[in-house]
C-alpha atoms as a PDB file:
ATOM      1  CA  UNK A   1      -0.051   0.221  -0.068  1.00  0.00           C
ATOM      2  CA  UNK A   2       1.339   3.678  -1.071  1.00  0.00           C
ATOM      3  CA  UNK A   3       2.292   5.797   1.367  1.00  0.00           C
ATOM      4  CA  UNK A   4      -0.252   8.198   2.834  1.00  0.00           C
ATOM      5  CA  UNK A   5      -3.183   6.065   1.558  1.00  0.00           C
ATOM      6  CA  UNK A   6      -5.942   5.164   3.586  1.00  0.00           C
ATOM      7  CA  UNK A   7      -6.337   2.333   5.527  1.00  0.00           C
ATOM      8  CA  UNK A   8      -9.453   0.369   4.466  1.00  0.00           C
ATOM      9  CA  UNK A   9     -11.860  -1.924   6.735  1.00  0.00           C
ATOM     10  CA  UNK A  10     -11.369  -5.176   6.811  1.00  0.00           C
ATOM     11  CA  UNK A  11     -14.430  -7.392   6.489  1.00  0.00           C
ATOM     12  CA  UNK A  12     -12.636  -9.526   9.487  1.00  0.00           C
ATOM     13  CA  UNK A  13     -13.033  -6.446  11.765  1.00  0.00           C
ATOM     14  CA  UNK A  14     -16.667  -5.559  10.812  1.00  0.00           C
ATOM     15  CA  UNK A  15     -17.393  -8.875  11.461  1.00  0.00           C
ATOM     16  CA  UNK A  16     -16.098  -8.940  14.801  1.00  0.00           C
ATOM     17  CA  UNK A  17     -17.688  -5.700  15.565  1.00  0.00           C
ATOM     18  CA  UNK A  18     -21.101  -6.902  14.564  1.00  0.00           C
ATOM     19  CA  UNK A  19     -20.575 -10.242  16.066  1.00  0.00           C
ATOM     20  CA  UNK A  20     -20.324  -8.793  19.246  1.00  0.00           C
ATOM     21  CA  UNK A  21     -23.827  -7.312  19.175  1.00  0.00           C
ATOM     22  CA  UNK A  22     -25.485  -9.888  17.514  1.00  0.00           C
ATOM     23  CA  UNK A  23     -27.758 -11.899  17.692  1.00  0.00           C
ATOM     24  CA  UNK A  24     -30.292  -8.969  18.674  1.00  0.00           C
ATOM     25  CA  UNK A  25     -34.135  -9.607  20.301  1.00  0.00           C
ATOM     26  CA  UNK A  26     -36.742  -7.935  20.590  1.00  0.00           C
ATOM     27  CA  UNK A  27     -40.583  -9.185  20.960  1.00  0.00           C
ATOM     28  CA  UNK A  28     -40.853 -12.178  18.217  1.00  0.00           C
ATOM     29  CA  UNK A  29     -38.032 -11.604  16.538  1.00  0.00           C
ATOM     30  CA  UNK A  30     -34.177 -12.445  16.614  1.00  0.00           C
ATOM     31  CA  UNK A  31     -31.358 -10.863  14.175  1.00  0.00           C
ATOM     32  CA  UNK A  32     -28.101 -12.909  14.184  1.00  0.00           C
ATOM     33  CA  UNK A  33     -25.501 -13.827  11.660  1.00  0.00           C
ATOM     34  CA  UNK A  34     -26.147 -16.498   9.217  1.00  0.00           C
ATOM     35  CA  UNK A  35     -24.397 -18.984   7.858  1.00  0.00           C
ATOM     36  CA  UNK A  36     -21.762 -18.645   4.758  1.00  0.00           C
ATOM     37  CA  UNK A  37     -21.090 -19.817   1.691  1.00  0.00           C
ATOM     38  CA  UNK A  38     -18.243 -21.724   0.406  1.00  0.00           C
ATOM     39  CA  UNK A  39     -16.024 -20.885   2.844  1.00  0.00           C
ATOM     40  CA  UNK A  40     -16.275 -17.146   3.112  1.00  0.00           C
ATOM     41  CA  UNK A  41     -16.438 -15.057   6.470  1.00  0.00           C
ATOM     42  CA  UNK A  42     -19.571 -14.016   7.954  1.00  0.00           C
ATOM     43  CA  UNK A  43     -18.596 -10.320   6.289  1.00  0.00           C
ATOM     44  CA  UNK A  44     -16.814 -10.641   3.215  1.00  0.00           C
ATOM     45  CA  UNK A  45     -15.396  -8.076  -0.096  1.00  0.00           C
ATOM     46  CA  UNK A  46     -17.327  -9.027  -2.963  1.00  0.00           C
ATOM     47  CA  UNK A  47     -16.220  -8.271  -6.684  1.00  0.00           C
ATOM     48  CA  UNK A  48     -17.052  -4.468  -6.636  1.00  0.00           C
ATOM     49  CA  UNK A  49     -14.912  -4.044  -3.455  1.00  0.00           C
ATOM     50  CA  UNK A  50     -17.755  -3.477  -1.273  1.00  0.00           C
ATOM     51  CA  UNK A  51     -18.936  -5.345   2.245  1.00  0.00           C
ATOM     52  CA  UNK A  52     -21.381  -8.082   2.157  1.00  0.00           C
ATOM     53  CA  UNK A  53     -22.962  -9.539   5.361  1.00  0.00           C
ATOM     54  CA  UNK A  54     -25.139 -13.258   5.824  1.00  0.00           C
ATOM     55  CA  UNK A  55     -27.710 -12.030   8.054  1.00  0.00           C
ATOM     56  CA  UNK A  56     -30.449 -14.363   9.676  1.00  0.00           C
ATOM     57  CA  UNK A  57     -34.153 -13.565  11.289  1.00  0.00           C
ATOM     58  CA  UNK A  58     -35.802 -15.700  13.155  1.00  0.00           C
ATOM     59  CA  UNK A  59     -39.141 -15.162  14.242  1.00  0.00           C
ATOM     60  CA  UNK A  60     -40.695 -17.291  17.333  1.00  0.00           C
ATOM     61  CA  UNK A  61     -43.919 -18.223  18.513  1.00  0.00           C
ATOM     62  CA  UNK A  62     -44.323 -17.177  22.297  1.00  0.00           C
ATOM     63  CA  UNK A  63     -45.741 -18.834  25.134  1.00  0.00           C
ATOM     64  CA  UNK A  64     -48.281 -16.772  27.332  1.00  0.00           C
ATOM     65  CA  UNK A  65     -45.560 -15.540  29.980  1.00  0.00           C
ATOM     66  CA  UNK A  66     -43.903 -14.256  26.471  1.00  0.00           C
ATOM     67  CA  UNK A  67     -40.562 -16.276  26.280  1.00  0.00           C
ATOM     68  CA  UNK A  68     -39.978 -18.162  23.122  1.00  0.00           C
ATOM     69  CA  UNK A  69     -41.241 -21.276  22.816  1.00  0.00           C
ATOM     70  CA  UNK A  70     -41.035 -22.258  18.961  1.00  0.00           C
ATOM     71  CA  UNK A  71     -39.265 -21.067  15.423  1.00  0.00           C
ATOM     72  CA  UNK A  72     -42.199 -20.085  13.370  1.00  0.00           C
ATOM     73  CA  UNK A  73     -40.044 -19.071  10.538  1.00  0.00           C
ATOM     74  CA  UNK A  74     -36.264 -18.558   9.295  1.00  0.00           C
ATOM     75  CA  UNK A  75     -35.154 -16.036   6.248  1.00  0.00           C
ATOM     76  CA  UNK A  76     -31.460 -15.429   5.776  1.00  0.00           C
ATOM     77  CA  UNK A  77     -29.942 -13.158   2.963  1.00  0.00           C
ATOM     78  CA  UNK A  78     -26.550 -11.969   1.932  1.00  0.00           C
ATOM     79  CA  UNK A  79     -27.266  -8.261   2.751  1.00  0.00           C
ATOM     80  CA  UNK A  80     -25.305  -5.238   1.258  1.00  0.00           C
ATOM     81  CA  UNK A  81     -23.464  -3.236   3.856  1.00  0.00           C
ATOM     82  CA  UNK A  82     -20.707  -0.769   2.643  1.00  0.00           C
ATOM     83  CA  UNK A  83     -19.711   0.511  -0.467  1.00  0.00           C
ATOM     84  CA  UNK A  84     -15.815   1.161  -1.052  1.00  0.00           C
ATOM     85  CA  UNK A  85     -16.107   4.432  -0.328  1.00  0.00           C
ATOM     86  CA  UNK A  86     -16.856   4.252   3.127  1.00  0.00           C
ATOM     87  CA  UNK A  87     -13.956   1.653   3.782  1.00  0.00           C
ATOM     88  CA  UNK A  88     -11.593   4.193   4.318  1.00  0.00           C
ATOM     89  CA  UNK A  89     -12.966   5.599   7.548  1.00  0.00           C
ATOM     90  CA  UNK A  90     -12.995   2.389   9.745  1.00  0.00           C
ATOM     91  CA  UNK A  91     -13.593   4.359  13.488  1.00  0.00           C
ATOM     92  CA  UNK A  92     -16.391   5.921  11.646  1.00  0.00           C
ATOM     93  CA  UNK A  93     -17.895   2.726  10.576  1.00  0.00           C
ATOM     94  CA  UNK A  94     -17.957   1.343  14.340  1.00  0.00           C
ATOM     95  CA  UNK A  95     -19.610   4.149  15.653  1.00  0.00           C
ATOM     96  CA  UNK A  96     -22.113   3.816  13.246  1.00  0.00           C
ATOM     97  CA  UNK A  97     -22.468   0.146  14.117  1.00  0.00           C
ATOM     98  CA  UNK A  98     -22.515   1.029  17.987  1.00  0.00           C
ATOM     99  CA  UNK A  99     -25.754   3.400  16.907  1.00  0.00           C
ATOM    100  CA  UNK A 100     -27.307   0.840  14.874  1.00  0.00           C
ATOM    101  CA  UNK A 101     -26.868  -1.616  17.844  1.00  0.00           C
ATOM    102  CA  UNK A 102     -28.719   0.607  20.211  1.00  0.00           C
ATOM    103  CA  UNK A 103     -31.974   1.154  18.639  1.00  0.00           C
ATOM    104  CA  UNK A 104     -32.257  -2.884  16.991  1.00  0.00           C
ATOM    105  CA  UNK A 105     -34.344  -4.212  20.387  1.00  0.00           C
ATOM    106  CA  UNK A 106     -36.625  -1.680  20.412  1.00  0.00           C
ATOM    107  CA  UNK A 107     -37.211  -1.925  16.266  1.00  0.00           C
ATOM    108  CA  UNK A 108     -37.892  -5.644  16.900  1.00  0.00           C
ATOM    109  CA  UNK A 109     -40.305  -4.883  19.624  1.00  0.00           C
ATOM    110  CA  UNK A 110     -42.147  -2.610  17.529  1.00  0.00           C
ATOM    111  CA  UNK A 111     -42.324  -5.235  14.803  1.00  0.00           C
ATOM    112  CA  UNK A 112     -44.546  -7.408  16.899  1.00  0.00           C
ATOM    113  CA  UNK A 113     -46.627  -9.879  14.733  1.00  0.00           C
ATOM    114  CA  UNK A 114     -45.054  -7.614  11.705  1.00  0.00           C
ATOM    115  CA  UNK A 115     -41.619  -9.782  11.712  1.00  0.00           C
ATOM    116  CA  UNK A 116     -43.499 -12.321   9.756  1.00  0.00           C
ATOM    117  CA  UNK A 117     -43.471  -9.822   6.660  1.00  0.00           C
ATOM    118  CA  UNK A 118     -39.798  -8.259   6.776  1.00  0.00           C
ATOM    119  CA  UNK A 119     -36.555  -9.434   5.511  1.00  0.00           C
ATOM    120  CA  UNK A 120     -33.238  -9.259   7.217  1.00  0.00           C
ATOM    121  CA  UNK A 121     -32.214  -6.522   4.594  1.00  0.00           C
ATOM    122  CA  UNK A 122     -34.668  -3.977   5.937  1.00  0.00           C
ATOM    123  CA  UNK A 123     -33.236  -4.141   9.453  1.00  0.00           C
ATOM    124  CA  UNK A 124     -29.627  -3.641   8.330  1.00  0.00           C
ATOM    125  CA  UNK A 125     -29.124  -0.190   7.076  1.00  0.00           C
ATOM    126  CA  UNK A 126     -25.899   1.189   6.992  1.00  0.00           C
ATOM    127  CA  UNK A 127     -27.300   3.988   4.498  1.00  0.00           C
ATOM    128  CA  UNK A 128     -26.306   6.728   7.048  1.00  0.00           C
ATOM    129  CA  UNK A 129     -22.776   6.115   6.169  1.00  0.00           C
ATOM    130  CA  UNK A 130     -23.076   8.157   3.300  1.00  0.00           C
ATOM    131  CA  UNK A 131     -24.146  11.214   5.077  1.00  0.00           C
ATOM    132  CA  UNK A 132     -21.412  13.626   5.371  1.00  0.00           C
ATOM    133  CA  UNK A 133     -22.183  15.401   8.529  1.00  0.00           C
ATOM    134  CA  UNK A 134     -23.359  12.174  10.272  1.00  0.00           C
ATOM    135  CA  UNK A 135     -20.007  11.892  12.343  1.00  0.00           C
ATOM    136  CA  UNK A 136     -21.281  11.082  16.003  1.00  0.00           C
ATOM    137  CA  UNK A 137     -22.953   8.110  18.104  1.00  0.00           C
ATOM    138  CA  UNK A 138     -26.103  10.900  18.375  1.00  0.00           C
ATOM    139  CA  UNK A 139     -25.950  11.868  14.721  1.00  0.00           C
ATOM    140  CA  UNK A 140     -25.924   8.383  13.555  1.00  0.00           C
ATOM    141  CA  UNK A 141     -28.854   7.438  16.233  1.00  0.00           C
ATOM    142  CA  UNK A 142     -31.165  10.384  14.475  1.00  0.00           C
ATOM    143  CA  UNK A 143     -30.125   9.303  10.643  1.00  0.00           C
ATOM    144  CA  UNK A 144     -30.868   5.527  11.608  1.00  0.00           C
ATOM    145  CA  UNK A 145     -34.817   6.706  13.382  1.00  0.00           C
ATOM    146  CA  UNK A 146     -35.727   8.991  10.719  1.00  0.00           C
ATOM    147  CA  UNK A 147     -38.935   7.782   9.092  1.00  0.00           C
ATOM    148  CA  UNK A 148     -37.164   6.937   5.976  1.00  0.00           C
ATOM    149  CA  UNK A 149     -35.540   4.476   7.475  1.00  0.00           C
ATOM    150  CA  UNK A 150     -36.570   2.427  10.984  1.00  0.00           C
ATOM    151  CA  UNK A 151     -38.395   5.484  12.140  1.00  0.00           C
ATOM    152  CA  UNK A 152     -41.736   3.906   9.711  1.00  0.00           C
ATOM    153  CA  UNK A 153     -41.623   0.854  12.056  1.00  0.00           C
ATOM    154  CA  UNK A 154     -42.924   2.944  14.787  1.00  0.00           C
ATOM    155  CA  UNK A 155     -46.375   4.990  14.996  1.00  0.00           C
ATOM    156  CA  UNK A 156     -46.731   8.422  16.568  1.00  0.00           C
ATOM    157  CA  UNK A 157     -47.996   6.854  19.695  1.00  0.00           C
ATOM    158  CA  UNK A 158     -44.438   3.825  19.933  1.00  0.00           C
ATOM    159  CA  UNK A 159     -46.915   0.882  18.652  1.00  0.00           C
ATOM    160  CA  UNK A 160     -45.864  -1.439  16.104  1.00  0.00           C
ATOM    161  CA  UNK A 161     -47.075  -0.004  12.484  1.00  0.00           C
ATOM    162  CA  UNK A 162     -46.793  -2.131   8.871  1.00  0.00           C
ATOM    163  CA  UNK A 163     -43.319  -1.822   7.983  1.00  0.00           C
ATOM    164  CA  UNK A 164     -43.309  -1.518   4.081  1.00  0.00           C
ATOM    165  CA  UNK A 165     -44.667   1.688   3.136  1.00  0.00           C
ATOM    166  CA  UNK A 166     -42.521   4.151   4.428  1.00  0.00           C
ATOM    167  CA  UNK A 167     -45.235   6.246   5.602  1.00  0.00           C
ATOM    168  CA  UNK A 168     -46.153   7.650   8.803  1.00  0.00           C
ATOM    169  CA  UNK A 169     -48.891   5.626  10.661  1.00  0.00           C
ATOM    170  CA  UNK A 170     -52.196   7.674  10.414  1.00  0.00           C
ATOM    171  CA  UNK A 171     -53.959   8.163  14.008  1.00  0.00           C
ATOM    172  CA  UNK A 172     -57.435   6.908  13.423  1.00  0.00           C
ATOM    173  CA  UNK A 173     -60.193   8.745  15.256  1.00  0.00           C
ATOM    174  CA  UNK A 174     -63.230   7.188  16.745  1.00  0.00           C
ATOM    175  CA  UNK A 175     -66.158   9.006  15.101  1.00  0.00           C
ATOM    176  CA  UNK A 176     -68.063  11.163  18.064  1.00  0.00           C
ATOM    177  CA  UNK A 177     -71.566  10.022  18.769  1.00  0.00           C
ATOM    178  CA  UNK A 178     -72.464  13.545  17.314  1.00  0.00           C
ATOM    179  CA  UNK A 179     -70.428  12.421  13.894  1.00  0.00           C
ATOM    180  CA  UNK A 180     -71.920   8.996  13.923  1.00  0.00           C
ATOM    181  CA  UNK A 181     -75.738  10.406  14.234  1.00  0.00           C
ATOM    182  CA  UNK A 182     -75.045  13.417  11.299  1.00  0.00           C
ATOM    183  CA  UNK A 183     -73.931  10.327   9.340  1.00  0.00           C
ATOM    184  CA  UNK A 184     -76.706   7.893   9.691  1.00  0.00           C
ATOM    185  CA  UNK A 185     -79.031  10.648   9.395  1.00  0.00           C
ATOM    186  CA  UNK A 186     -77.348  12.093   5.969  1.00  0.00           C
ATOM    187  CA  UNK A 187     -79.829  11.281   3.220  1.00  0.00           C
ATOM    188  CA  UNK A 188     -78.685   8.568   0.935  1.00  0.00           C
ATOM    189  CA  UNK A 189     -78.420  10.083  -2.794  1.00  0.00           C
ATOM    190  CA  UNK A 190     -78.919   8.509  -6.328  1.00  0.00           C
ATOM    191  CA  UNK A 191     -79.149   5.376  -6.977  1.00  0.00           C
ATOM    192  CA  UNK A 192     -78.143   4.250  -3.141  1.00  0.00           C
ATOM    193  CA  UNK A 193     -81.407   6.031  -2.365  1.00  0.00           C
ATOM    194  CA  UNK A 194     -83.240   3.053  -4.104  1.00  0.00           C
ATOM    195  CA  UNK A 195     -83.738   5.127  -7.263  1.00  0.00           C
ATOM    196  CA  UNK A 196     -84.641   2.607 -10.248  1.00  0.00           C
ATOM    197  CA  UNK A 197     -81.941   2.907 -13.280  1.00  0.00           C
ATOM    198  CA  UNK A 198     -83.423   3.500 -16.342  1.00  0.00           C
ATOM    199  CA  UNK A 199     -84.278   0.391 -18.420  1.00  0.00           C
ATOM    200  CA  UNK A 200     -81.888   2.374 -21.465  1.00  0.00           C
ATOM    201  CA  UNK A 201     -79.780   4.798 -22.463  1.00  0.00           C
ATOM    202  CA  UNK A 202     -81.424   7.874 -24.743  1.00  0.00           C
ATOM    203  CA  UNK A 203     -80.255   7.500 -28.005  1.00  0.00           C
ATOM    204  CA  UNK A 204     -78.280  10.354 -29.544  1.00  0.00           C
ATOM    205  CA  UNK A 205     -78.272   9.596 -33.264  1.00  0.00           C
ATOM    206  CA  UNK A 206     -80.284  11.486 -35.663  1.00  0.00           C
ATOM    207  CA  UNK A 207     -82.072   8.136 -36.603  1.00  0.00           C
ATOM    208  CA  UNK A 208     -83.020   6.833 -33.035  1.00  0.00           C
ATOM    209  CA  UNK A 209     -84.313  10.408 -32.429  1.00  0.00           C
ATOM    210  CA  UNK A 210     -86.607  10.134 -35.223  1.00  0.00           C
ATOM    211  CA  UNK A 211     -87.814   6.757 -34.150  1.00  0.00           C
ATOM    212  CA  UNK A 212     -88.130   7.859 -30.938  1.00  0.00           C
ATOM    213  CA  UNK A 213     -90.739  10.835 -31.848  1.00  0.00           C
ATOM    214  CA  UNK A 214     -92.464   8.522 -34.452  1.00  0.00           C
ATOM    215  CA  UNK A 215     -93.031   6.417 -31.349  1.00  0.00           C
ATOM    216  CA  UNK A 216     -94.336   9.281 -29.309  1.00  0.00           C
ATOM    217  CA  UNK A 217     -96.515  10.322 -31.627  1.00  0.00           C
ATOM    218  CA  UNK A 218     -98.004   7.161 -32.559  1.00  0.00           C
ATOM    219  CA  UNK A 219     -99.045   6.863 -28.916  1.00  0.00           C
ATOM    220  CA  UNK A 220    -100.747  10.493 -28.746  1.00  0.00           C
ATOM    221  CA  UNK A 221    -101.849  10.647 -31.730  1.00  0.00           C
ATOM    222  CA  UNK A 222     -99.856  13.814 -33.385  1.00  0.00           C
ATOM    223  CA  UNK A 223     -97.405  13.713 -36.106  1.00  0.00           C
ATOM    224  CA  UNK A 224     -93.841  14.394 -36.007  1.00  0.00           C
ATOM    225  CA  UNK A 225     -93.121  17.853 -37.771  1.00  0.00           C
END
């Protein structure tokens, strides 16, 4: 390596930092390392120089006491972590891993039963490393909890929500008694009120209008003009 060139983050170092914090538990979910293929490590370098991790997500059935009883489902993926451009700041990456691990139990707990619809790559998001202004633990934590990232797993009241649409959860208010009474007393309109639909659509061609006029005149005894 040339003098003065930055030290690239080694896959083994990133694997060690992640293994110190895995598995992560919350609610019905367990997030941990998966089984590598062909002798690769848990974290490995792909052909582009990016770092990839094998991540496993397990969802559990719980007993009445909330204890994990039996495995419901296992999903495992090779998840992209870091571009080559982010590998030249190992210290910054380590701070990010600490921030990510600090929020993960809450994220997993907020998923609740929705964990059955989540894939591992949705829970391992190293995207904030591309933010130039994110440097500290608090910077990364705020970035991770943005609604475009893990913040979408939480409602404004702190409960679980559907994980995929990326929009803030809507607070649905029940109708008040006054609103319900107004809603029920509002008259229906059109066909909803029981109006009979016309048996046929009025014809608009000249010939059809003439035929309709002839029919009317034969009934009334008047000749059409």
